[in-house]
Amino acid sequence: MDNKVDVIIIGAGLAGVACAYTLAKAGVNVIVMERGKYPGAKNVMGGILFTTILGKLIPEFLREAPIERFIMEHKFSLLSRDTELAFSFQTEKYNQPPHNHSFTVLRAKFDRWFAGKAEELGAMILPNVVVDGLIWQGKRCVGVNSRLSEGDLYADVIVLAEGANSVIAEKEGLKPFPREKNMAVVAKEMISLPREVIEERFQLSSDKTKGNIPEGTAMEYFGDAVQGMFGNAFIYTNRDSLSVGIGCTLKELVEKNINPHDALEYFKNHPCVRNLLRNGKTEEYCAHMIPEGGYGNLSKLALDGLLIIGDCAGLVNTSFFHEGSNLAMASGVYAAEAIMEALKKGNFSRKTLSSYEESLRNSFVVEDLKKFRHFPGLGEKCPELV
């Protein structure tokens, strides 16, 4: 392996792989360095995969990707100690492709598939790799300190796609250490149940003639579901399991001395919830940090020889829509486009690479973040509203 390539991406999540896929498709020599044993091994997402960007990258993904279910119903519930007030929305349109671009996935499976598609185009995915820091020449980033046997690697552009746990970005002073109120903790369990039980219990069609992707539902819970804190709980249906979790601000969990696992157990044992989980077996438990600062806390995204994308850049819509996957993929694509332009010019200055920031500003990514920029503050002041 050469120690100099066109682009090095740190992180094989949705943003990093979308960037690598776009670059590899254009013939760019790109390496993706991933801490986990494989892409997806360290990813936790108790949410829905929004596929507007994926559908443009890989139009045939519905036939190939390890999708669990498409979301045909969205249900919102407000819980008190023993009561549920619920609102449900569904439409026949969601039963038809592209299914409102909303699906449940298991990231361990999906991310490996997505990374594999990038590898097919020529991207090199390196799992089990720890990056200790960045290499600088003056103010320009030129490489990474890695623990590979080959030693340090160099590239024209380095892309940070570390996710919310941005160890390198924080170590290098590229983003401040996150404040408690700007971070949320998501605790999630995967609970297995037979497919037929899930479909009967959640009133989902088992009609196989509708295609290879079955119906699913997304259920969001507020109020006593999270003991009155700013956040929500959720249940998402997979083929033969449920993704069950809670998400609350780190600040409130610390102030109220509530352990995320205990908060999840409280939700699971609510009288309006426990019957939905009855006889299920917990197969996996995990917790994950997500940025909650929104529009007002975006990092500086372009420097000389360096771009920051996805959750690492704070690109998460913290409203009821919980957008993250589509914003991450979009940022990866826009970063790749800026890099390709820089490669043509042979100029990797911040001025050239800042076309990435311009693309974000002119897209739905920043538009959505700006639209819901007051949502975190509203929740902090009046958690009872959400």
Foldseek 3Di string as FASTA:
>chain_A
DDQEFAEEEEALELLRLLLLLLQLLVVGAYEYEAQAPAFLRPDDDLFKFQCPPVCVSPVCCVVPAQFFAQAQKEKEWEDDLADIDMDMDGDVVLLDPVNNSITDDRSSRRSRVSNVSSVVSPYHYHYNKDWDEFDDDVFATFWTAIPDPVGIGGHQAYEYAPAQPRVHCCVVVQADDDDQLFKKKKKKWKWFAAQVLLCVLVVWDPPCVSDDHGYWHKYWYAHCLQDLAQWIWIWIDGRGIIITIIMGGRVVCVVVVPDRVNSSVSNCPRPVHVVSRPPIHTDDIDMDMAGRQFLVRFTDAFAQRYGYAFRRRVQFQNPPVRDGSVRSSVLSNLQSVLSVQCVVVVGRGRVSSCVSVVVCVPDVRSVSSVVCNCVSVCCVVRVNVD
